[in-house]
PDB file of N, CA and C in Angstrom:
ATOM      1  N   MET A   1    -131.968 165.221 -23.416  1.00  0.00           N
ATOM      2  CA  MET A   1    -131.548 165.375 -21.902  1.00  0.00           C
ATOM      3  C   MET A   1    -131.912 166.921 -21.206  1.00  0.00           C
ATOM      4  N   SER A   2    -132.080 166.797 -20.409  1.00  0.00           N
ATOM      5  CA  SER A   2    -132.160 168.107 -19.283  1.00  0.00           C
ATOM      6  C   SER A   2    -131.125 168.156 -18.696  1.00  0.00           C
ATOM      7  N   ASN A   3    -130.654 169.724 -18.066  1.00  0.00           N
ATOM      8  CA  ASN A   3    -129.908 170.006 -17.355  1.00  0.00           C
ATOM      9  C   ASN A   3    -129.520 169.137 -16.317  1.00  0.00           C
ATOM     10  N   GLU A   4    -130.697 168.970 -15.599  1.00  0.00           N
ATOM     11  CA  GLU A   4    -130.977 168.484 -14.118  1.00  0.00           C
ATOM     12  C   GLU A   4    -130.700 166.513 -14.124  1.00  0.00           C
ATOM     13  N   GLU A   5    -130.435 165.921 -15.560  1.00  0.00           N
ATOM     14  CA  GLU A   5    -130.480 165.180 -15.440  1.00  0.00           C
ATOM     15  C   GLU A   5    -128.957 164.703 -15.881  1.00  0.00           C
ATOM     16  N   SER A   6    -128.418 165.382 -16.548  1.00  0.00           N
ATOM     17  CA  SER A   6    -126.987 165.581 -16.805  1.00  0.00           C
ATOM     18  C   SER A   6    -125.997 166.137 -15.230  1.00  0.00           C
ATOM     19  N   SER A   7    -126.541 166.609 -14.591  1.00  0.00           N
ATOM     20  CA  SER A   7    -125.379 167.155 -13.522  1.00  0.00           C
ATOM     21  C   SER A   7    -125.858 166.362 -12.280  1.00  0.00           C
ATOM     22  N   THR A   8    -126.538 164.890 -12.656  1.00  0.00           N
ATOM     23  CA  THR A   8    -126.939 164.433 -11.436  1.00  0.00           C
ATOM     24  C   THR A   8    -126.114 163.090 -11.923  1.00  0.00           C
ATOM     25  N   PRO A   9    -125.000 163.141 -10.376  1.00  0.00           N
ATOM     26  CA  PRO A   9    -124.154 162.547 -10.490  1.00  0.00           C
ATOM     27  C   PRO A   9    -124.634 160.985 -10.543  1.00  0.00           C
ATOM     28  N   GLU A  10    -124.094 159.751 -11.404  1.00  0.00           N
ATOM     29  CA  GLU A  10    -125.009 158.413 -11.050  1.00  0.00           C
ATOM     30  C   GLU A  10    -123.744 157.492 -10.485  1.00  0.00           C
ATOM     31  N   SER A  11    -124.400 156.423  -9.326  1.00  0.00           N
ATOM     32  CA  SER A  11    -123.135 155.763  -8.613  1.00  0.00           C
ATOM     33  C   SER A  11    -122.482 155.351  -9.625  1.00  0.00           C
ATOM     34  N   ALA A  12    -121.011 155.253  -9.360  1.00  0.00           N
ATOM     35  CA  ALA A  12    -120.136 154.295 -10.375  1.00  0.00           C
ATOM     36  C   ALA A  12    -120.061 152.772 -10.072  1.00  0.00           C
ATOM     37  N   SER A  13    -120.470 152.415  -9.056  1.00  0.00           N
ATOM     38  CA  SER A  13    -120.461 150.841  -9.071  1.00  0.00           C
ATOM     39  C   SER A  13    -122.341 150.764  -9.711  1.00  0.00           C
ATOM     40  N   SER A  14    -123.113 151.876 -10.067  1.00  0.00           N
ATOM     41  CA  SER A  14    -124.479 151.249 -10.875  1.00  0.00           C
ATOM     42  C   SER A  14    -124.223 150.708 -12.604  1.00  0.00           C
ATOM     43  N   LYS A  15    -122.897 151.531 -12.475  1.00  0.00           N
ATOM     44  CA  LYS A  15    -122.457 151.041 -14.190  1.00  0.00           C
ATOM     45  C   LYS A  15    -121.548 150.160 -14.199  1.00  0.00           C
ATOM     46  N   LEU A  16    -120.688 149.378 -13.187  1.00  0.00           N
ATOM     47  CA  LEU A  16    -119.578 148.661 -12.947  1.00  0.00           C
ATOM     48  C   LEU A  16    -120.460 147.101 -12.931  1.00  0.00           C
ATOM     49  N   PHE A  17    -119.833 146.230 -13.503  1.00  0.00           N
ATOM     50  CA  PHE A  17    -120.324 144.716 -13.452  1.00  0.00           C
ATOM     51  C   PHE A  17    -119.452 143.915 -13.824  1.00  0.00           C
ATOM     52  N   ASP A  18    -118.349 143.208 -12.595  1.00  0.00           N
ATOM     53  CA  ASP A  18    -117.149 142.486 -12.619  1.00  0.00           C
ATOM     54  C   ASP A  18    -117.278 141.032 -12.698  1.00  0.00           C
ATOM     55  N   LEU A  19    -117.188 140.239 -14.054  1.00  0.00           N
ATOM     56  CA  LEU A  19    -117.439 138.756 -14.142  1.00  0.00           C
ATOM     57  C   LEU A  19    -116.354 138.065 -13.895  1.00  0.00           C
ATOM     58  N   ARG A  20    -114.999 138.653 -13.049  1.00  0.00           N
ATOM     59  CA  ARG A  20    -114.092 137.739 -12.410  1.00  0.00           C
ATOM     60  C   ARG A  20    -114.931 137.667 -11.181  1.00  0.00           C
ATOM     61  N   VAL A  21    -115.763 138.114 -10.206  1.00  0.00           N
ATOM     62  CA  VAL A  21    -116.527 137.501  -9.213  1.00  0.00           C
ATOM     63  C   VAL A  21    -117.075 137.045  -9.035  1.00  0.00           C
ATOM     64  N   LEU A  22    -118.036 136.306 -10.605  1.00  0.00           N
ATOM     65  CA  LEU A  22    -119.102 135.385 -10.814  1.00  0.00           C
ATOM     66  C   LEU A  22    -117.953 134.599 -10.912  1.00  0.00           C
ATOM     67  N   ILE A  23    -117.020 134.745 -11.874  1.00  0.00           N
ATOM     68  CA  ILE A  23    -116.519 133.252 -12.564  1.00  0.00           C
ATOM     69  C   ILE A  23    -115.497 132.828 -10.958  1.00  0.00           C
ATOM     70  N   GLY A  24    -115.172 133.834 -10.576  1.00  0.00           N
ATOM     71  CA  GLY A  24    -114.566 132.980  -8.991  1.00  0.00           C
ATOM     72  C   GLY A  24    -114.655 132.768  -8.004  1.00  0.00           C
ATOM     73  N   GLY A  25    -116.546 133.386  -7.461  1.00  0.00           N
ATOM     74  CA  GLY A  25    -117.323 132.443  -6.678  1.00  0.00           C
ATOM     75  C   GLY A  25    -117.731 131.111  -7.225  1.00  0.00           C
ATOM     76  N   LEU A  26    -118.092 131.307  -8.594  1.00  0.00           N
ATOM     77  CA  LEU A  26    -118.498 129.422  -9.432  1.00  0.00           C
ATOM     78  C   LEU A  26    -117.054 128.460  -8.883  1.00  0.00           C
ATOM     79  N   PHE A  27    -116.118 129.018  -9.173  1.00  0.00           N
ATOM     80  CA  PHE A  27    -115.229 127.695  -9.334  1.00  0.00           C
ATOM     81  C   PHE A  27    -114.631 127.769  -8.004  1.00  0.00           C
ATOM     82  N   THR A  28    -114.857 128.708  -6.902  1.00  0.00           N
ATOM     83  CA  THR A  28    -114.231 128.345  -5.582  1.00  0.00           C
ATOM     84  C   THR A  28    -115.636 127.547  -4.968  1.00  0.00           C
ATOM     85  N   VAL A  29    -116.760 127.725  -5.084  1.00  0.00           N
ATOM     86  CA  VAL A  29    -118.036 127.011  -4.602  1.00  0.00           C
ATOM     87  C   VAL A  29    -117.496 125.512  -5.160  1.00  0.00           C
ATOM     88  N   TYR A  30    -117.675 124.957  -6.716  1.00  0.00           N
ATOM     89  CA  TYR A  30    -117.541 123.730  -7.287  1.00  0.00           C
ATOM     90  C   TYR A  30    -116.499 123.400  -6.788  1.00  0.00           C
ATOM     91  N   GLY A  31    -114.564 123.888  -6.573  1.00  0.00           N
ATOM     92  CA  GLY A  31    -114.125 123.475  -6.103  1.00  0.00           C
ATOM     93  C   GLY A  31    -113.910 122.889  -4.850  1.00  0.00           C
ATOM     94  N   VAL A  32    -114.806 123.597  -3.912  1.00  0.00           N
ATOM     95  CA  VAL A  32    -114.705 123.090  -2.489  1.00  0.00           C
ATOM     96  C   VAL A  32    -115.244 121.650  -2.618  1.00  0.00           C
ATOM     97  N   VAL A  33    -116.811 121.618  -3.285  1.00  0.00           N
ATOM     98  CA  VAL A  33    -117.681 120.456  -3.717  1.00  0.00           C
ATOM     99  C   VAL A  33    -116.857 119.331  -4.470  1.00  0.00           C
ATOM    100  N   LEU A  34    -115.940 119.691  -4.970  1.00  0.00           N
ATOM    101  CA  LEU A  34    -115.438 118.280  -5.821  1.00  0.00           C
ATOM    102  C   LEU A  34    -114.302 118.209  -4.489  1.00  0.00           C
ATOM    103  N   THR A  35    -113.570 119.429  -3.900  1.00  0.00           N
ATOM    104  CA  THR A  35    -112.582 118.646  -2.737  1.00  0.00           C
ATOM    105  C   THR A  35    -113.335 117.661  -1.770  1.00  0.00           C
ATOM    106  N   ILE A  36    -114.182 118.273  -1.222  1.00  0.00           N
ATOM    107  CA  ILE A  36    -115.071 116.959  -0.524  1.00  0.00           C
ATOM    108  C   ILE A  36    -115.046 116.060  -1.437  1.00  0.00           C
ATOM    109  N   VAL A  37    -115.983 115.898  -2.212  1.00  0.00           N
ATOM    110  CA  VAL A  37    -116.047 114.712  -2.743  1.00  0.00           C
ATOM    111  C   VAL A  37    -115.152 113.924  -2.949  1.00  0.00           C
ATOM    112  N   GLY A  38    -113.749 114.384  -3.031  1.00  0.00           N
ATOM    113  CA  GLY A  38    -112.890 113.552  -3.657  1.00  0.00           C
ATOM    114  C   GLY A  38    -111.845 113.163  -2.549  1.00  0.00           C
ATOM    115  N   ILE A  39    -111.929 113.681  -1.708  1.00  0.00           N
ATOM    116  CA  ILE A  39    -111.557 113.542   0.033  1.00  0.00           C
ATOM    117  C   ILE A  39    -112.559 112.230   0.462  1.00  0.00           C
ATOM    118  N   LEU A  40    -113.882 111.990   0.229  1.00  0.00           N
ATOM    119  CA  LEU A  40    -114.846 110.925   0.574  1.00  0.00           C
ATOM    120  C   LEU A  40    -114.541 109.886  -0.364  1.00  0.00           C
ATOM    121  N   ALA A  41    -114.236 110.387  -1.657  1.00  0.00           N
ATOM    122  CA  ALA A  41    -114.176 109.004  -2.064  1.00  0.00           C
ATOM    123  C   ALA A  41    -113.637 107.424  -2.034  1.00  0.00           C
ATOM    124  N   SER A  42    -114.517 106.521  -2.334  1.00  0.00           N
ATOM    125  CA  SER A  42    -114.421 105.367  -2.238  1.00  0.00           C
ATOM    126  C   SER A  42    -113.645 104.576  -2.940  1.00  0.00           C
ATOM    127  N   GLU A  43    -113.136 103.270  -2.452  1.00  0.00           N
ATOM    128  CA  GLU A  43    -112.007 102.502  -3.607  1.00  0.00           C
ATOM    129  C   GLU A  43    -112.623 101.994  -4.518  1.00  0.00           C
ATOM    130  N   ALA A  44    -114.133 101.714  -4.978  1.00  0.00           N
ATOM    131  CA  ALA A  44    -114.733 101.335  -6.045  1.00  0.00           C
ATOM    132  C   ALA A  44    -114.395 102.676  -7.065  1.00  0.00           C
ATOM    133  N   ALA A  45    -115.032 103.845  -6.269  1.00  0.00           N
ATOM    134  CA  ALA A  45    -114.652 105.196  -6.946  1.00  0.00           C
ATOM    135  C   ALA A  45    -113.069 105.251  -8.054  1.00  0.00           C
ATOM    136  N   LEU A  46    -112.328 105.090  -6.743  1.00  0.00           N
ATOM    137  CA  LEU A  46    -110.988 105.277  -7.671  1.00  0.00           C
ATOM    138  C   LEU A  46    -110.414 104.169  -8.617  1.00  0.00           C
ATOM    139  N   ALA A  47    -110.753 102.701  -8.118  1.00  0.00           N
ATOM    140  CA  ALA A  47    -110.149 102.081  -9.180  1.00  0.00           C
ATOM    141  C   ALA A  47    -111.011 102.042 -10.370  1.00  0.00           C
ATOM    142  N   LYS A  48    -112.527 102.768 -10.642  1.00  0.00           N
ATOM    143  CA  LYS A  48    -112.878 103.628 -11.864  1.00  0.00           C
ATOM    144  C   LYS A  48    -112.084 104.290 -12.846  1.00  0.00           C
ATOM    145  N   ALA A  49    -111.325 104.745 -11.493  1.00  0.00           N
ATOM    146  CA  ALA A  49    -110.743 106.136 -12.712  1.00  0.00           C
ATOM    147  C   ALA A  49    -109.116 105.648 -12.343  1.00  0.00           C
ATOM    148  N   ALA A  50    -108.892 104.394 -12.319  1.00  0.00           N
ATOM    149  CA  ALA A  50    -107.300 103.825 -12.618  1.00  0.00           C
ATOM    150  C   ALA A  50    -106.874 104.289 -11.531  1.00  0.00           C
ATOM    151  N   GLY A  51    -106.881 104.653 -10.178  1.00  0.00           N
ATOM    152  CA  GLY A  51    -106.499 104.947  -9.108  1.00  0.00           C
ATOM    153  C   GLY A  51    -105.903 106.469  -8.807  1.00  0.00           C
ATOM    154  N   ILE A  52    -106.359 107.148  -9.726  1.00  0.00           N
ATOM    155  CA  ILE A  52    -106.413 108.758  -9.775  1.00  0.00           C
ATOM    156  C   ILE A  52    -107.373 109.396  -9.125  1.00  0.00           C
ATOM    157  N   ASN A  53    -107.755 110.048  -7.572  1.00  0.00           N
ATOM    158  CA  ASN A  53    -108.721 110.794  -7.408  1.00  0.00           C
ATOM    159  C   ASN A  53    -108.795 111.689  -8.220  1.00  0.00           C
ATOM    160  N   ILE A  54    -109.527 111.802  -9.485  1.00  0.00           N
ATOM    161  CA  ILE A  54    -109.707 113.203 -10.343  1.00  0.00           C
ATOM    162  C   ILE A  54    -110.399 113.736  -9.392  1.00  0.00           C
ATOM    163  N   ASN A  55    -111.284 114.139  -8.580  1.00  0.00           N
ATOM    164  CA  ASN A  55    -112.053 114.635  -8.104  1.00  0.00           C
ATOM    165  C   ASN A  55    -111.770 115.698  -7.136  1.00  0.00           C
ATOM    166  N   LEU A  56    -110.553 115.171  -6.593  1.00  0.00           N
ATOM    167  CA  LEU A  56    -109.515 115.703  -5.613  1.00  0.00           C
ATOM    168  C   LEU A  56    -108.874 116.668  -6.211  1.00  0.00           C
ATOM    169  N   TRP A  57    -108.107 116.036  -7.210  1.00  0.00           N
ATOM    170  CA  TRP A  57    -107.302 116.787  -7.648  1.00  0.00           C
ATOM    171  C   TRP A  57    -107.928 117.979  -8.995  1.00  0.00           C
ATOM    172  N   MET A  58    -109.041 117.838  -9.628  1.00  0.00           N
ATOM    173  CA  MET A  58    -109.829 118.384 -10.407  1.00  0.00           C
ATOM    174  C   MET A  58    -110.355 119.962  -9.335  1.00  0.00           C
ATOM    175  N   GLY A  59    -110.989 119.331  -8.240  1.00  0.00           N
ATOM    176  CA  GLY A  59    -111.179 120.135  -7.249  1.00  0.00           C
ATOM    177  C   GLY A  59    -110.042 121.370  -6.503  1.00  0.00           C
ATOM    178  N   LEU A  60    -109.178 120.511  -6.571  1.00  0.00           N
ATOM    179  CA  LEU A  60    -107.570 121.520  -5.906  1.00  0.00           C
ATOM    180  C   LEU A  60    -107.659 122.680  -6.840  1.00  0.00           C
ATOM    181  N   GLY A  61    -107.827 122.270  -8.430  1.00  0.00           N
ATOM    182  CA  GLY A  61    -107.268 123.399  -9.282  1.00  0.00           C
ATOM    183  C   GLY A  61    -108.436 124.161  -9.217  1.00  0.00           C
ATOM    184  N   MET A  62    -109.835 123.720  -9.453  1.00  0.00           N
ATOM    185  CA  MET A  62    -110.945 124.558  -9.522  1.00  0.00           C
ATOM    186  C   MET A  62    -110.749 125.402  -8.222  1.00  0.00           C
ATOM    187  N   LEU A  63    -110.514 125.076  -6.861  1.00  0.00           N
ATOM    188  CA  LEU A  63    -110.487 126.121  -6.101  1.00  0.00           C
ATOM    189  C   LEU A  63    -109.402 127.232  -5.921  1.00  0.00           C
ATOM    190  N   ALA A  64    -107.950 126.275  -6.367  1.00  0.00           N
ATOM    191  CA  ALA A  64    -107.070 127.574  -6.692  1.00  0.00           C
ATOM    192  C   ALA A  64    -107.352 128.960  -7.988  1.00  0.00           C
ATOM    193  N   LEU A  65    -108.096 128.442  -8.823  1.00  0.00           N
ATOM    194  CA  LEU A  65    -108.686 128.813 -10.110  1.00  0.00           C
ATOM    195  C   LEU A  65    -109.452 130.171  -9.539  1.00  0.00           C
ATOM    196  N   GLY A  66    -110.267 129.621  -8.389  1.00  0.00           N
ATOM    197  CA  GLY A  66    -111.235 130.316  -7.763  1.00  0.00           C
ATOM    198  C   GLY A  66    -110.989 131.290  -7.056  1.00  0.00           C
ATOM    199  N   VAL A  67    -109.752 131.043  -6.490  1.00  0.00           N
ATOM    200  CA  VAL A  67    -109.086 132.107  -5.345  1.00  0.00           C
ATOM    201  C   VAL A  67    -108.592 132.891  -6.330  1.00  0.00           C
ATOM    202  N   PHE A  68    -107.911 132.608  -7.479  1.00  0.00           N
ATOM    203  CA  PHE A  68    -106.859 133.722  -7.925  1.00  0.00           C
ATOM    204  C   PHE A  68    -108.206 134.340  -8.419  1.00  0.00           C
ATOM    205  N   PHE A  69    -109.031 134.285  -8.876  1.00  0.00           N
ATOM    206  CA  PHE A  69    -109.966 135.244  -9.644  1.00  0.00           C
ATOM    207  C   PHE A  69    -110.414 135.931  -8.910  1.00  0.00           C
ATOM    208  N   LEU A  70    -110.726 135.438  -7.674  1.00  0.00           N
ATOM    209  CA  LEU A  70    -111.157 136.797  -5.943  1.00  0.00           C
ATOM    210  C   LEU A  70    -110.192 137.500  -5.631  1.00  0.00           C
ATOM    211  N   PHE A  71    -108.865 137.111  -5.878  1.00  0.00           N
ATOM    212  CA  PHE A  71    -107.555 138.031  -5.203  1.00  0.00           C
ATOM    213  C   PHE A  71    -107.521 139.042  -6.409  1.00  0.00           C
ATOM    214  N   TRP A  72    -107.630 138.438  -7.629  1.00  0.00           N
ATOM    215  CA  TRP A  72    -107.154 139.519  -8.501  1.00  0.00           C
ATOM    216  C   TRP A  72    -108.036 140.580  -8.718  1.00  0.00           C
ATOM    217  N   TRP A  73    -109.614 140.112  -8.494  1.00  0.00           N
ATOM    218  CA  TRP A  73    -110.666 140.984  -8.383  1.00  0.00           C
ATOM    219  C   TRP A  73    -110.530 142.308  -6.660  1.00  0.00           C
ATOM    220  N   ARG A  74    -110.163 141.927  -6.167  1.00  0.00           N
ATOM    221  CA  ARG A  74    -109.637 142.626  -4.904  1.00  0.00           C
ATOM    222  C   ARG A  74    -108.476 143.448  -5.275  1.00  0.00           C
ATOM    223  N   LEU A  75    -107.711 143.096  -5.507  1.00  0.00           N
ATOM    224  CA  LEU A  75    -106.152 143.471  -6.046  1.00  0.00           C
ATOM    225  C   LEU A  75    -106.423 144.816  -7.043  1.00  0.00           C
ATOM    226  N   ARG A  76    -107.004 144.837  -7.890  1.00  0.00           N
ATOM    227  CA  ARG A  76    -107.162 145.559  -9.318  1.00  0.00           C
ATOM    228  C   ARG A  76    -109.089 145.779  -9.466  1.00  0.00           C
ATOM    229  N   PRO A  77    -109.741 146.260  -8.853  1.00  0.00           N
ATOM    230  CA  PRO A  77    -111.084 146.825  -9.090  1.00  0.00           C
ATOM    231  C   PRO A  77    -111.394 147.619 -10.538  1.00  0.00           C
ATOM    232  N   LEU A  78    -112.587 146.802 -11.183  1.00  0.00           N
ATOM    233  CA  LEU A  78    -112.770 148.141 -12.115  1.00  0.00           C
ATOM    234  C   LEU A  78    -112.607 149.519 -11.591  1.00  0.00           C
ATOM    235  N   GLN A  79    -112.329 150.886 -12.326  1.00  0.00           N
ATOM    236  CA  GLN A  79    -112.446 151.952 -11.996  1.00  0.00           C
ATOM    237  C   GLN A  79    -113.042 152.758 -12.833  1.00  0.00           C
ATOM    238  N   ARG A  80    -114.223 153.282 -12.846  1.00  0.00           N
ATOM    239  CA  ARG A  80    -114.921 154.260 -13.552  1.00  0.00           C
ATOM    240  C   ARG A  80    -114.081 155.660 -14.419  1.00  0.00           C
ATOM    241  N   ASP A  81    -114.002 155.233 -15.936  1.00  0.00           N
ATOM    242  CA  ASP A  81    -113.174 156.558 -16.393  1.00  0.00           C
ATOM    243  C   ASP A  81    -114.181 157.754 -16.035  1.00  0.00           C
ATOM    244  N   VAL A  82    -113.178 159.040 -15.839  1.00  0.00           N
ATOM    245  CA  VAL A  82    -114.143 159.737 -15.649  1.00  0.00           C
ATOM    246  C   VAL A  82    -113.604 161.152 -16.758  1.00  0.00           C
ATOM    247  N   PRO A  83    -114.963 161.547 -17.094  1.00  0.00           N
ATOM    248  CA  PRO A  83    -114.624 162.190 -18.357  1.00  0.00           C
ATOM    249  C   PRO A  83    -114.252 163.600 -17.861  1.00  0.00           C
ATOM    250  N   PRO A  84    -113.362 163.895 -19.028  1.00  0.00           N
ATOM    251  CA  PRO A  84    -112.636 165.649 -18.744  1.00  0.00           C
ATOM    252  C   PRO A  84    -113.855 166.392 -18.839  1.00  0.00           C
ATOM    253  N   SER A  85    -113.560 167.313 -17.902  1.00  0.00           N
ATOM    254  CA  SER A  85    -114.310 168.304 -17.814  1.00  0.00           C
ATOM    255  C   SER A  85    -114.133 169.841 -18.773  1.00  0.00           C
ATOM    256  N   ASP A  86    -115.632 169.909 -19.528  1.00  0.00           N
ATOM    257  CA  ASP A  86    -115.541 171.179 -20.372  1.00  0.00           C
ATOM    258  C   ASP A  86    -115.188 172.469 -19.816  1.00  0.00           C
TER     259      ASP A  86
END
């Protein structure tokens, strides 16, 4: 490695990838979809599930989990460790 390469600062965001964003985003999107499907459920669909609107409840749970992950990511973002200077 030459001196030029070692003295060039790298972008911290280029080295960081946070799975909380991906997990939170997917759970939020799927939670919204399931919540809408649960709200629009027919009586026949409710009768199949013994009267429990499972799509609505699971959608709300997934939505809450997704929002939790996204808030966690915003409140505690990843930080790059700064190496000690020589």
